[in-house]
Amino acid sequence: MYLLLVEDEATLAESLLGVLVAKGHRVDWVADGRMALSQLATTRYDAMVLDLGLPYLDGRGVLDALRTAPAFQDRQDLPVLILSARDQSSDKIAALEAGADDYLSKPFDVDELEARLFALLRRRLGKTGAQLNWVGIQYDASKRSFACRGHTLAVSPREHAALLALMQAQGVPLTRLALYERVFADDEDASSLDVIDVVIYRLRKKLVPFAVSIQSVRGIGLYLASDAA
């Protein structure tokens, strides 16, 4: 996923940024509300993680602008997860009524944060019928299908999970462990990381006719790339 993190607590933001990037996500970090609106005006994100207590313009102001300002008309459906130390029910209700999609109180578990973000993205794609696009591949969430250059790309359930994870990473390398966790999360029989190599090998063979490849960055991870001239 390509995320915008809006958090003014530098220590927390740097820690969260490091973990999310290590998990294979691309993250832009800004520390105040005005900078958040500037980023939103020029960059398309998959989701935004937004603190409420921000300088210059608080999180509520950012959320109001995103949902109502004409400048953001083409991206008003951006999923927003509020990440805040305010844990009263009234704060959560107010944020959700203002247009937030989810609310997570500090302190929090990063794995839970990631899971909630993926759920928001799936909900958005399924609700709007929108497609996720990367290097010529399109993913239709409503049909749970992939297509490339006008042709359906037939994949197994495990190949589906791996390819979707690589597409959501948008060119940022994913570690073998990150892919393993996405593909074999519910498979107790998959006890070795080597099983992900088999899935990637099969995917590579299927992507060759479409001029798309899974590239490897030694010691870092795997990413999808276009081989088209």
C-alpha atoms as a PDB file:
ATOM      1  CA  MET A   1       0.000   0.000   0.000  1.00  0.00           C
ATOM      2  CA  TYR A   2       0.971   3.617  -0.524  1.00  0.00           C
ATOM      3  CA  LEU A   3       0.180   5.399   2.742  1.00  0.00           C
ATOM      4  CA  LEU A   4       0.168   8.953   4.043  1.00  0.00           C
ATOM      5  CA  LEU A   5       1.100   9.051   7.726  1.00  0.00           C
ATOM      6  CA  VAL A   6       0.117  12.286   9.468  1.00  0.00           C
ATOM      7  CA  GLU A   7       1.651  12.299  12.949  1.00  0.00           C
ATOM      8  CA  ASP A   8       3.439  15.084  14.856  1.00  0.00           C
ATOM      9  CA  GLU A   9       5.104  12.839  17.452  1.00  0.00           C
ATOM     10  CA  ALA A  10       8.438  12.233  15.726  1.00  0.00           C
ATOM     11  CA  THR A  11       9.559   9.214  17.755  1.00  0.00           C
ATOM     12  CA  LEU A  12       6.300   7.376  17.146  1.00  0.00           C
ATOM     13  CA  ALA A  13       6.171   8.366  13.488  1.00  0.00           C
ATOM     14  CA  GLU A  14       9.730   7.258  12.770  1.00  0.00           C
ATOM     15  CA  SER A  15       9.148   3.937  14.518  1.00  0.00           C
ATOM     16  CA  LEU A  16       5.890   3.302  12.674  1.00  0.00           C
ATOM     17  CA  LEU A  17       7.420   4.402   9.377  1.00  0.00           C
ATOM     18  CA  GLY A  18      10.282   1.950   9.791  1.00  0.00           C
ATOM     19  CA  VAL A  19       7.984  -0.970  10.584  1.00  0.00           C
ATOM     20  CA  LEU A  20       5.557  -0.254   7.726  1.00  0.00           C
ATOM     21  CA  VAL A  21       8.355   0.126   5.179  1.00  0.00           C
ATOM     22  CA  ALA A  22       9.930  -3.105   6.416  1.00  0.00           C
ATOM     23  CA  LYS A  23       6.569  -4.786   5.838  1.00  0.00           C
ATOM     24  CA  GLY A  24       6.695  -3.676   2.217  1.00  0.00           C
ATOM     25  CA  HIS A  25       4.597  -0.518   2.243  1.00  0.00           C
ATOM     26  CA  ARG A  26       5.461   2.839   0.763  1.00  0.00           C
ATOM     27  CA  VAL A  27       4.901   5.639   3.289  1.00  0.00           C
ATOM     28  CA  ASP A  28       5.052   9.430   3.151  1.00  0.00           C
ATOM     29  CA  TRP A  29       5.192  11.129   6.554  1.00  0.00           C
ATOM     30  CA  VAL A  30       4.132  14.687   7.376  1.00  0.00           C
ATOM     31  CA  ALA A  31       3.906  16.273  10.820  1.00  0.00           C
ATOM     32  CA  ASP A  32       1.072  18.812  10.561  1.00  0.00           C
ATOM     33  CA  GLY A  33      -2.356  19.235   9.007  1.00  0.00           C
ATOM     34  CA  ARG A  34      -1.451  21.818   6.399  1.00  0.00           C
ATOM     35  CA  MET A  35       1.320  19.604   5.042  1.00  0.00           C
ATOM     36  CA  ALA A  36      -1.153  16.721   4.928  1.00  0.00           C
ATOM     37  CA  LEU A  37      -3.521  18.699   2.688  1.00  0.00           C
ATOM     38  CA  SER A  38      -0.605  19.679   0.458  1.00  0.00           C
ATOM     39  CA  GLN A  39       0.334  16.028   0.026  1.00  0.00           C
ATOM     40  CA  LEU A  40      -3.253  14.987  -0.598  1.00  0.00           C
ATOM     41  CA  ALA A  41      -3.593  17.618  -3.304  1.00  0.00           C
ATOM     42  CA  THR A  42      -0.660  16.292  -5.310  1.00  0.00           C
ATOM     43  CA  THR A  43      -0.396  12.562  -4.536  1.00  0.00           C
ATOM     44  CA  ARG A  44      -2.810   9.641  -4.705  1.00  0.00           C
ATOM     45  CA  TYR A  45      -2.638   7.331  -1.710  1.00  0.00           C
ATOM     46  CA  ASP A  46      -4.287   4.025  -0.883  1.00  0.00           C
ATOM     47  CA  ALA A  47      -5.072   5.179   2.659  1.00  0.00           C
ATOM     48  CA  MET A  48      -4.214   7.815   5.259  1.00  0.00           C
ATOM     49  CA  VAL A  49      -3.283   7.264   8.913  1.00  0.00           C
ATOM     50  CA  LEU A  50      -4.259  10.483  10.680  1.00  0.00           C
ATOM     51  CA  ASP A  51      -3.578  11.779  14.177  1.00  0.00           C
ATOM     52  CA  LEU A  52      -6.126  14.202  15.641  1.00  0.00           C
ATOM     53  CA  GLY A  53      -3.822  16.434  17.711  1.00  0.00           C
ATOM     54  CA  LEU A  54      -1.831  18.142  14.969  1.00  0.00           C
ATOM     55  CA  PRO A  55      -0.263  21.627  14.757  1.00  0.00           C
ATOM     56  CA  TYR A  56      -1.557  24.358  12.410  1.00  0.00           C
ATOM     57  CA  LEU A  57      -4.582  22.302  11.358  1.00  0.00           C
ATOM     58  CA  ASP A  58      -5.853  19.456  13.491  1.00  0.00           C
ATOM     59  CA  GLY A  59      -6.890  16.040  12.235  1.00  0.00           C
ATOM     60  CA  ARG A  60     -10.579  16.961  12.246  1.00  0.00           C
ATOM     61  CA  GLY A  61      -9.805  19.903   9.961  1.00  0.00           C
ATOM     62  CA  VAL A  62      -7.861  17.657   7.590  1.00  0.00           C
ATOM     63  CA  LEU A  63     -10.719  15.170   7.516  1.00  0.00           C
ATOM     64  CA  ASP A  64     -13.329  17.888   6.911  1.00  0.00           C
ATOM     65  CA  ALA A  65     -11.318  19.304   4.002  1.00  0.00           C
ATOM     66  CA  LEU A  66     -10.780  15.893   2.442  1.00  0.00           C
ATOM     67  CA  ARG A  67     -14.454  14.965   2.586  1.00  0.00           C
ATOM     68  CA  THR A  68     -15.984  18.303   1.565  1.00  0.00           C
ATOM     69  CA  ALA A  69     -13.526  20.618  -0.226  1.00  0.00           C
ATOM     70  CA  PRO A  70     -13.911  20.822  -4.045  1.00  0.00           C
ATOM     71  CA  ALA A  71     -10.125  20.497  -4.395  1.00  0.00           C
ATOM     72  CA  PHE A  72     -10.371  16.895  -3.183  1.00  0.00           C
ATOM     73  CA  GLN A  73     -13.519  15.928  -5.073  1.00  0.00           C
ATOM     74  CA  ASP A  74     -11.760  13.152  -7.002  1.00  0.00           C
ATOM     75  CA  ARG A  75     -10.319  11.522  -3.869  1.00  0.00           C
ATOM     76  CA  GLN A  76     -12.971  12.006  -1.215  1.00  0.00           C
ATOM     77  CA  ASP A  77     -13.306   8.240  -0.861  1.00  0.00           C
ATOM     78  CA  LEU A  78      -9.730   7.860   0.425  1.00  0.00           C
ATOM     79  CA  PRO A  79      -9.831   5.502   3.436  1.00  0.00           C
ATOM     80  CA  VAL A  80      -8.836   7.300   6.646  1.00  0.00           C
ATOM     81  CA  LEU A  81      -7.796   5.550   9.835  1.00  0.00           C
ATOM     82  CA  ILE A  82      -7.614   7.803  12.871  1.00  0.00           C
ATOM     83  CA  LEU A  83      -4.683   7.033  15.173  1.00  0.00           C
ATOM     84  CA  SER A  84      -5.075   8.978  18.402  1.00  0.00           C
ATOM     85  CA  ALA A  85      -4.397   8.980  22.129  1.00  0.00           C
ATOM     86  CA  ARG A  86      -7.975  10.147  22.631  1.00  0.00           C
ATOM     87  CA  ASP A  87      -9.763   6.959  23.589  1.00  0.00           C
ATOM     88  CA  GLN A  88     -13.133   8.198  24.780  1.00  0.00           C
ATOM     89  CA  SER A  89     -16.190   6.864  22.974  1.00  0.00           C
ATOM     90  CA  SER A  90     -17.291  10.418  22.238  1.00  0.00           C
ATOM     91  CA  ASP A  91     -14.025  11.118  20.392  1.00  0.00           C
ATOM     92  CA  LYS A  92     -14.369   7.966  18.309  1.00  0.00           C
ATOM     93  CA  ILE A  93     -17.994   8.633  17.452  1.00  0.00           C
ATOM     94  CA  ALA A  94     -17.243  12.241  16.481  1.00  0.00           C
ATOM     95  CA  ALA A  95     -14.383  11.167  14.186  1.00  0.00           C
ATOM     96  CA  LEU A  96     -16.435   8.449  12.514  1.00  0.00           C
ATOM     97  CA  GLU A  97     -19.378  10.807  12.019  1.00  0.00           C
ATOM     98  CA  ALA A  98     -16.985  13.339  10.468  1.00  0.00           C
ATOM     99  CA  GLY A  99     -15.955  10.829   7.808  1.00  0.00           C
ATOM    100  CA  ALA A 100     -13.234   8.643   9.294  1.00  0.00           C
ATOM    101  CA  ASP A 101     -13.399   4.993   8.252  1.00  0.00           C
ATOM    102  CA  ASP A 102     -11.771   3.481  11.335  1.00  0.00           C
ATOM    103  CA  TYR A 103     -10.312   4.528  14.682  1.00  0.00           C
ATOM    104  CA  LEU A 104      -7.408   3.014  16.587  1.00  0.00           C
ATOM    105  CA  SER A 105      -6.358   4.265  20.009  1.00  0.00           C
ATOM    106  CA  LYS A 106      -2.750   4.644  21.148  1.00  0.00           C
ATOM    107  CA  PRO A 107      -0.929   2.565  22.244  1.00  0.00           C
ATOM    108  CA  PHE A 108      -1.594   0.120  19.422  1.00  0.00           C
ATOM    109  CA  ASP A 109      -0.296  -3.011  17.738  1.00  0.00           C
ATOM    110  CA  VAL A 110       1.278  -2.422  14.312  1.00  0.00           C
ATOM    111  CA  ASP A 111       0.001  -5.736  12.959  1.00  0.00           C
ATOM    112  CA  GLU A 112      -3.530  -4.714  13.907  1.00  0.00           C
ATOM    113  CA  LEU A 113      -3.009  -1.336  12.231  1.00  0.00           C
ATOM    114  CA  GLU A 114      -1.850  -3.037   9.042  1.00  0.00           C
ATOM    115  CA  ALA A 115      -4.752  -5.487   9.097  1.00  0.00           C
ATOM    116  CA  ARG A 116      -7.250  -2.649   9.523  1.00  0.00           C
ATOM    117  CA  LEU A 117      -5.710  -0.749   6.595  1.00  0.00           C
ATOM    118  CA  PHE A 118      -5.952  -3.793   4.332  1.00  0.00           C
ATOM    119  CA  ALA A 119      -9.581  -4.225   5.391  1.00  0.00           C
ATOM    120  CA  LEU A 120     -10.320  -0.601   4.507  1.00  0.00           C
ATOM    121  CA  LEU A 121      -8.683  -1.006   1.108  1.00  0.00           C
ATOM    122  CA  ARG A 122     -10.636  -4.191   0.358  1.00  0.00           C
ATOM    123  CA  ARG A 123     -13.854  -2.482   1.422  1.00  0.00           C
ATOM    124  CA  ARG A 124     -13.136   0.516  -0.778  1.00  0.00           C
ATOM    125  CA  LEU A 125     -12.332  -1.567  -3.848  1.00  0.00           C
ATOM    126  CA  GLY A 126     -15.322  -3.826  -3.314  1.00  0.00           C
ATOM    127  CA  LYS A 127     -17.747  -0.971  -2.719  1.00  0.00           C
ATOM    128  CA  THR A 128     -16.740   1.211  -5.640  1.00  0.00           C
ATOM    129  CA  GLY A 129     -15.870  -1.503  -8.126  1.00  0.00           C
ATOM    130  CA  ALA A 130     -12.585   0.284  -8.573  1.00  0.00           C
ATOM    131  CA  GLN A 131      -9.539  -1.488  -9.900  1.00  0.00           C
ATOM    132  CA  LEU A 132      -6.041  -1.651  -8.533  1.00  0.00           C
ATOM    133  CA  ASN A 133      -3.535  -1.091 -11.342  1.00  0.00           C
ATOM    134  CA  TRP A 134       0.188  -1.701 -11.505  1.00  0.00           C
ATOM    135  CA  VAL A 135       2.625  -2.347 -14.396  1.00  0.00           C
ATOM    136  CA  GLY A 136      -0.202  -3.216 -16.778  1.00  0.00           C
ATOM    137  CA  ILE A 137      -2.037  -5.587 -14.430  1.00  0.00           C
ATOM    138  CA  GLN A 138      -5.536  -4.751 -13.224  1.00  0.00           C
ATOM    139  CA  TYR A 139      -7.160  -6.270 -10.148  1.00  0.00           C
ATOM    140  CA  ASP A 140     -10.957  -6.170  -9.913  1.00  0.00           C
ATOM    141  CA  ALA A 141     -11.823  -6.589  -6.240  1.00  0.00           C
ATOM    142  CA  SER A 142     -15.524  -7.199  -6.898  1.00  0.00           C
ATOM    143  CA  LYS A 143     -14.669 -10.179  -9.119  1.00  0.00           C
ATOM    144  CA  ARG A 144     -11.421 -11.064  -7.331  1.00  0.00           C
ATOM    145  CA  SER A 145      -9.762 -11.393 -10.714  1.00  0.00           C
ATOM    146  CA  PHE A 146      -6.626 -10.210 -12.488  1.00  0.00           C
ATOM    147  CA  ALA A 147      -6.302  -9.095 -16.092  1.00  0.00           C
ATOM    148  CA  CYS A 148      -3.358  -7.945 -18.153  1.00  0.00           C
ATOM    149  CA  ARG A 149      -3.427  -6.320 -21.592  1.00  0.00           C
ATOM    150  CA  GLY A 150      -6.991  -7.434 -22.166  1.00  0.00           C
ATOM    151  CA  HIS A 151      -6.508 -11.043 -21.070  1.00  0.00           C
ATOM    152  CA  THR A 152      -7.594 -12.751 -17.864  1.00  0.00           C
ATOM    153  CA  LEU A 153      -4.707 -13.937 -15.736  1.00  0.00           C
ATOM    154  CA  ALA A 154      -5.564 -17.325 -14.223  1.00  0.00           C
ATOM    155  CA  VAL A 155      -3.956 -17.884 -10.828  1.00  0.00           C
ATOM    156  CA  SER A 156      -4.308 -20.270  -7.907  1.00  0.00           C
ATOM    157  CA  PRO A 157      -5.518 -18.966  -4.498  1.00  0.00           C
ATOM    158  CA  ARG A 158      -1.941 -18.737  -3.205  1.00  0.00           C
ATOM    159  CA  GLU A 159      -0.729 -17.054  -6.391  1.00  0.00           C
ATOM    160  CA  HIS A 160      -3.678 -14.680  -6.056  1.00  0.00           C
ATOM    161  CA  ALA A 161      -2.592 -13.665  -2.540  1.00  0.00           C
ATOM    162  CA  ALA A 162       1.037 -13.185  -3.564  1.00  0.00           C
ATOM    163  CA  LEU A 163       0.243 -11.188  -6.706  1.00  0.00           C
ATOM    164  CA  LEU A 164      -2.212  -8.942  -4.882  1.00  0.00           C
ATOM    165  CA  ALA A 165       0.368  -8.226  -2.170  1.00  0.00           C
ATOM    166  CA  LEU A 166       2.970  -7.346  -4.815  1.00  0.00           C
ATOM    167  CA  MET A 167       0.504  -5.050  -6.603  1.00  0.00           C
ATOM    168  CA  GLN A 168      -0.462  -3.288  -3.398  1.00  0.00           C
ATOM    169  CA  ALA A 169       3.208  -2.644  -2.655  1.00  0.00           C
ATOM    170  CA  GLN A 170       3.359  -0.529  -5.857  1.00  0.00           C
ATOM    171  CA  GLY A 171       6.999  -1.285  -6.655  1.00  0.00           C
ATOM    172  CA  VAL A 172       8.309  -1.291  -3.098  1.00  0.00           C
ATOM    173  CA  PRO A 173      10.163  -4.600  -2.485  1.00  0.00           C
ATOM    174  CA  LEU A 174       8.397  -7.060  -0.197  1.00  0.00           C
ATOM    175  CA  THR A 175      10.481  -9.429   1.894  1.00  0.00           C
ATOM    176  CA  ARG A 176       9.978 -13.173   1.488  1.00  0.00           C
ATOM    177  CA  LEU A 177       8.712 -13.216   5.072  1.00  0.00           C
ATOM    178  CA  ALA A 178       6.096 -10.538   4.321  1.00  0.00           C
ATOM    179  CA  LEU A 179       4.892 -12.511   1.302  1.00  0.00           C
ATOM    180  CA  TYR A 180       4.907 -15.740   3.270  1.00  0.00           C
ATOM    181  CA  GLU A 181       2.731 -14.166   5.960  1.00  0.00           C
ATOM    182  CA  ARG A 182       0.238 -12.906   3.361  1.00  0.00           C
ATOM    183  CA  VAL A 183       0.049 -16.160   1.400  1.00  0.00           C
ATOM    184  CA  PHE A 184       0.292 -18.795   4.125  1.00  0.00           C
ATOM    185  CA  ALA A 185      -1.163 -16.959   7.124  1.00  0.00           C
ATOM    186  CA  ASP A 186      -3.784 -19.655   7.744  1.00  0.00           C
ATOM    187  CA  ASP A 187      -1.770 -22.674   6.604  1.00  0.00           C
ATOM    188  CA  GLU A 188      -0.224 -24.486   9.560  1.00  0.00           C
ATOM    189  CA  ASP A 189       1.419 -27.024   7.234  1.00  0.00           C
ATOM    190  CA  ALA A 190       3.594 -24.369   5.556  1.00  0.00           C
ATOM    191  CA  SER A 191       6.476 -24.441   8.001  1.00  0.00           C
ATOM    192  CA  SER A 192       9.281 -23.156   5.773  1.00  0.00           C
ATOM    193  CA  LEU A 193       9.860 -19.896   3.893  1.00  0.00           C
ATOM    194  CA  ASP A 194      10.908 -21.991   0.906  1.00  0.00           C
ATOM    195  CA  VAL A 195       7.260 -22.594   0.009  1.00  0.00           C
ATOM    196  CA  ILE A 196       6.887 -18.963  -1.055  1.00  0.00           C
ATOM    197  CA  ASP A 197       9.625 -19.504  -3.644  1.00  0.00           C
ATOM    198  CA  VAL A 198       7.465 -22.126  -5.345  1.00  0.00           C
ATOM    199  CA  VAL A 199       4.542 -19.690  -5.562  1.00  0.00           C
ATOM    200  CA  ILE A 200       6.775 -16.933  -6.958  1.00  0.00           C
ATOM    201  CA  TYR A 201       8.311 -19.332  -9.514  1.00  0.00           C
ATOM    202  CA  ARG A 202       4.863 -20.252 -10.839  1.00  0.00           C
ATOM    203  CA  LEU A 203       3.762 -16.626 -10.928  1.00  0.00           C
ATOM    204  CA  ARG A 204       6.866 -15.619 -12.863  1.00  0.00           C
ATOM    205  CA  LYS A 205       6.089 -18.188 -15.561  1.00  0.00           C
ATOM    206  CA  LYS A 206       2.523 -16.908 -15.890  1.00  0.00           C
ATOM    207  CA  LEU A 207       3.595 -13.257 -16.116  1.00  0.00           C
ATOM    208  CA  VAL A 208       6.212 -13.731 -18.872  1.00  0.00           C
ATOM    209  CA  PRO A 209       3.688 -13.530 -21.775  1.00  0.00           C
ATOM    210  CA  PHE A 210       2.471 -10.188 -20.428  1.00  0.00           C
ATOM    211  CA  ALA A 211       5.929  -8.579 -20.217  1.00  0.00           C
ATOM    212  CA  VAL A 212       5.715  -8.363 -16.441  1.00  0.00           C
ATOM    213  CA  SER A 213       8.324  -9.815 -14.117  1.00  0.00           C
ATOM    214  CA  ILE A 214       8.941 -10.312 -10.411  1.00  0.00           C
ATOM    215  CA  GLN A 215      12.314  -8.759  -9.744  1.00  0.00           C
ATOM    216  CA  SER A 216      14.534  -9.526  -6.775  1.00  0.00           C
ATOM    217  CA  VAL A 217      16.639  -7.053  -4.817  1.00  0.00           C
ATOM    218  CA  ARG A 218      19.239  -9.089  -2.993  1.00  0.00           C
ATOM    219  CA  GLY A 219      18.811  -8.908   0.750  1.00  0.00           C
ATOM    220  CA  ILE A 220      15.716  -6.715   0.464  1.00  0.00           C
ATOM    221  CA  GLY A 221      12.835  -8.366  -1.334  1.00  0.00           C
ATOM    222  CA  LEU A 222      10.690  -8.842  -4.429  1.00  0.00           C
ATOM    223  CA  TYR A 223       8.677  -6.401  -6.524  1.00  0.00           C
ATOM    224  CA  LEU A 224       6.646  -6.306  -9.725  1.00  0.00           C
ATOM    225  CA  ALA A 225       8.185  -4.616 -12.756  1.00  0.00           C
ATOM    226  CA  SER A 226       7.199  -4.042 -16.369  1.00  0.00           C
ATOM    227  CA  ASP A 227       9.412  -5.525 -19.078  1.00  0.00           C
ATOM    228  CA  ALA A 228       7.581  -3.686 -21.862  1.00  0.00           C
ATOM    229  CA  ALA A 229       9.778  -1.501 -24.046  1.00  0.00           C
END
